[in-house]
Amino acid sequence: MKLIQMQKKVEELTHISSELQDTINNVVKILDSAVKSAGESVEDYIQTSDKINYIVDEIEKSNILTEENTKSIQEVNLATDQLDSMSEKLNQELMKFKS
């Protein structure tokens, strides 16, 4: 009897061992999938970061151009004011000749 009981326990242990091996294989597959997904996520984050850096660079370039345009507009306004003043003085001088 003891031999039959031992044989049954060995069979049970073999069955449990087989189930355990299947479970471990499933866990390994899940971990592989998780690692792959994490790697893809990291790559996506890197690509997104690169795109954001490009956008920031372009915005900085745009800000530089805006500043340059603002300075140019200020210079044009100053030149316009000077020309207006010169025109006014010229008109005053011309009026002296007409009088």
C-alpha atoms as a PDB file:
ATOM      1  CA  MET A   1       0.000   0.000   0.000  1.00  0.00           C
ATOM      2  CA  LYS A   2       2.705   2.411   0.831  1.00  0.00           C
ATOM      3  CA  LEU A   3       4.176   1.977  -2.607  1.00  0.00           C
ATOM      4  CA  ILE A   4       0.854   2.761  -4.274  1.00  0.00           C
ATOM      5  CA  GLN A   5       0.400   5.848  -2.075  1.00  0.00           C
ATOM      6  CA  MET A   6       3.896   7.013  -2.877  1.00  0.00           C
ATOM      7  CA  GLN A   7       3.252   6.463  -6.584  1.00  0.00           C
ATOM      8  CA  LYS A   8       0.047   8.542  -6.375  1.00  0.00           C
ATOM      9  CA  LYS A   9       1.918  11.332  -4.565  1.00  0.00           C
ATOM     10  CA  VAL A  10       4.630  11.257  -7.221  1.00  0.00           C
ATOM     11  CA  GLU A  11       1.944  11.492  -9.913  1.00  0.00           C
ATOM     12  CA  GLU A  12       0.319  14.409  -8.066  1.00  0.00           C
ATOM     13  CA  LEU A  13       3.662  16.151  -7.723  1.00  0.00           C
ATOM     14  CA  THR A  14       4.351  15.568 -11.408  1.00  0.00           C
ATOM     15  CA  HIS A  15       0.981  17.076 -12.301  1.00  0.00           C
ATOM     16  CA  ILE A  16       1.541  20.048  -9.959  1.00  0.00           C
ATOM     17  CA  SER A  17       5.043  20.507 -11.396  1.00  0.00           C
ATOM     18  CA  SER A  18       3.645  20.511 -14.926  1.00  0.00           C
ATOM     19  CA  GLU A  19       1.018  23.113 -13.996  1.00  0.00           C
ATOM     20  CA  LEU A  20       3.676  25.181 -12.282  1.00  0.00           C
ATOM     21  CA  GLN A  21       5.848  25.034 -15.401  1.00  0.00           C
ATOM     22  CA  ASP A  22       2.897  26.205 -17.536  1.00  0.00           C
ATOM     23  CA  THR A  23       2.229  29.055 -15.102  1.00  0.00           C
ATOM     24  CA  ILE A  24       5.899  30.084 -15.136  1.00  0.00           C
ATOM     25  CA  ASN A  25       5.896  30.030 -18.953  1.00  0.00           C
ATOM     26  CA  ASN A  26       2.821  32.275 -18.984  1.00  0.00           C
ATOM     27  CA  VAL A  27       4.456  34.682 -16.526  1.00  0.00           C
ATOM     28  CA  VAL A  28       7.577  34.804 -18.715  1.00  0.00           C
ATOM     29  CA  LYS A  29       5.435  35.619 -21.760  1.00  0.00           C
ATOM     30  CA  ILE A  30       3.631  38.368 -19.845  1.00  0.00           C
ATOM     31  CA  LEU A  31       6.932  39.815 -18.607  1.00  0.00           C
ATOM     32  CA  ASP A  32       8.362  39.726 -22.146  1.00  0.00           C
ATOM     33  CA  SER A  33       5.311  41.589 -23.397  1.00  0.00           C
ATOM     34  CA  ALA A  34       5.568  44.135 -20.570  1.00  0.00           C
ATOM     35  CA  VAL A  35       9.264  44.734 -21.281  1.00  0.00           C
ATOM     36  CA  LYS A  36       8.541  45.168 -24.983  1.00  0.00           C
ATOM     37  CA  SER A  37       5.717  47.617 -24.251  1.00  0.00           C
ATOM     38  CA  ALA A  38       7.901  49.563 -21.840  1.00  0.00           C
ATOM     39  CA  GLY A  39      10.647  49.760 -24.470  1.00  0.00           C
ATOM     40  CA  GLU A  40       8.160  51.050 -27.044  1.00  0.00           C
ATOM     41  CA  SER A  41       6.821  53.590 -24.534  1.00  0.00           C
ATOM     42  CA  VAL A  42      10.317  54.845 -23.817  1.00  0.00           C
ATOM     43  CA  GLU A  43      10.973  55.177 -27.550  1.00  0.00           C
ATOM     44  CA  ASP A  44       7.699  57.090 -27.946  1.00  0.00           C
ATOM     45  CA  TYR A  45       8.698  59.412 -25.092  1.00  0.00           C
ATOM     46  CA  ILE A  46      12.077  60.019 -26.722  1.00  0.00           C
ATOM     47  CA  GLN A  47      10.457  60.813 -30.067  1.00  0.00           C
ATOM     48  CA  THR A  48       7.936  63.114 -28.384  1.00  0.00           C
ATOM     49  CA  SER A  49      10.748  64.858 -26.521  1.00  0.00           C
ATOM     50  CA  ASP A  50      12.647  65.368 -29.790  1.00  0.00           C
ATOM     51  CA  LYS A  51       9.544  66.851 -31.414  1.00  0.00           C
ATOM     52  CA  ILE A  52       8.938  69.163 -28.451  1.00  0.00           C
ATOM     53  CA  ASN A  53      12.559  70.327 -28.578  1.00  0.00           C
ATOM     54  CA  TYR A  54      12.153  71.073 -32.298  1.00  0.00           C
ATOM     55  CA  ILE A  55       8.978  73.073 -31.616  1.00  0.00           C
ATOM     56  CA  VAL A  56      10.705  75.016 -28.833  1.00  0.00           C
ATOM     57  CA  ASP A  57      13.621  75.808 -31.174  1.00  0.00           C
ATOM     58  CA  GLU A  58      11.217  77.033 -33.845  1.00  0.00           C
ATOM     59  CA  ILE A  59       9.365  79.194 -31.318  1.00  0.00           C
ATOM     60  CA  GLU A  60      12.681  80.691 -30.188  1.00  0.00           C
ATOM     61  CA  LYS A  61      13.546  81.458 -33.824  1.00  0.00           C
ATOM     62  CA  SER A  62      10.126  83.055 -34.248  1.00  0.00           C
ATOM     63  CA  ASN A  63      10.673  85.163 -31.117  1.00  0.00           C
ATOM     64  CA  ILE A  64      14.014  86.381 -32.488  1.00  0.00           C
ATOM     65  CA  LEU A  65      12.358  87.345 -35.773  1.00  0.00           C
ATOM     66  CA  THR A  66       9.557  89.093 -33.893  1.00  0.00           C
ATOM     67  CA  GLU A  67      12.080  91.089 -31.869  1.00  0.00           C
ATOM     68  CA  GLU A  68      13.947  92.032 -35.051  1.00  0.00           C
ATOM     69  CA  ASN A  69      10.688  93.073 -36.718  1.00  0.00           C
ATOM     70  CA  THR A  70       9.744  95.140 -33.689  1.00  0.00           C
ATOM     71  CA  LYS A  71      13.099  96.936 -33.811  1.00  0.00           C
ATOM     72  CA  SER A  72      12.668  97.524 -37.542  1.00  0.00           C
ATOM     73  CA  ILE A  73       9.190  98.964 -37.009  1.00  0.00           C
ATOM     74  CA  GLN A  74      10.539 101.241 -34.293  1.00  0.00           C
ATOM     75  CA  GLU A  75      13.297 102.410 -36.624  1.00  0.00           C
ATOM     76  CA  VAL A  76      10.763 103.038 -39.405  1.00  0.00           C
ATOM     77  CA  ASN A  77       8.587 105.014 -36.977  1.00  0.00           C
ATOM     78  CA  LEU A  78      11.594 107.070 -35.886  1.00  0.00           C
ATOM     79  CA  ALA A  79      12.549 107.714 -39.524  1.00  0.00           C
ATOM     80  CA  THR A  80       8.950 108.661 -40.314  1.00  0.00           C
ATOM     81  CA  ASP A  81       8.894 111.110 -37.412  1.00  0.00           C
ATOM     82  CA  GLN A  82      12.191 112.614 -38.562  1.00  0.00           C
ATOM     83  CA  LEU A  83      10.956 112.917 -42.143  1.00  0.00           C
ATOM     84  CA  ASP A  84       7.744 114.513 -40.914  1.00  0.00           C
ATOM     85  CA  SER A  85       9.736 117.004 -38.893  1.00  0.00           C
ATOM     86  CA  MET A  86      12.031 117.733 -41.839  1.00  0.00           C
ATOM     87  CA  SER A  87       9.012 118.134 -44.119  1.00  0.00           C
ATOM     88  CA  GLU A  88       7.435 120.577 -41.688  1.00  0.00           C
ATOM     89  CA  LYS A  89      10.641 122.607 -41.527  1.00  0.00           C
ATOM     90  CA  LEU A  90      10.910 122.569 -45.325  1.00  0.00           C
ATOM     91  CA  ASN A  91       7.306 123.798 -45.624  1.00  0.00           C
ATOM     92  CA  GLN A  92       8.079 126.614 -43.183  1.00  0.00           C
ATOM     93  CA  GLU A  93      11.140 127.615 -45.202  1.00  0.00           C
ATOM     94  CA  LEU A  94       9.146 127.501 -48.443  1.00  0.00           C
ATOM     95  CA  MET A  95       6.480 129.687 -46.873  1.00  0.00           C
ATOM     96  CA  LYS A  96       9.147 132.358 -46.302  1.00  0.00           C
ATOM     97  CA  PHE A  97       9.782 132.503 -50.036  1.00  0.00           C
ATOM     98  CA  LYS A  98       6.078 132.673 -50.845  1.00  0.00           C
ATOM     99  CA  SER A  99       5.582 135.593 -48.472  1.00  0.00           C
END
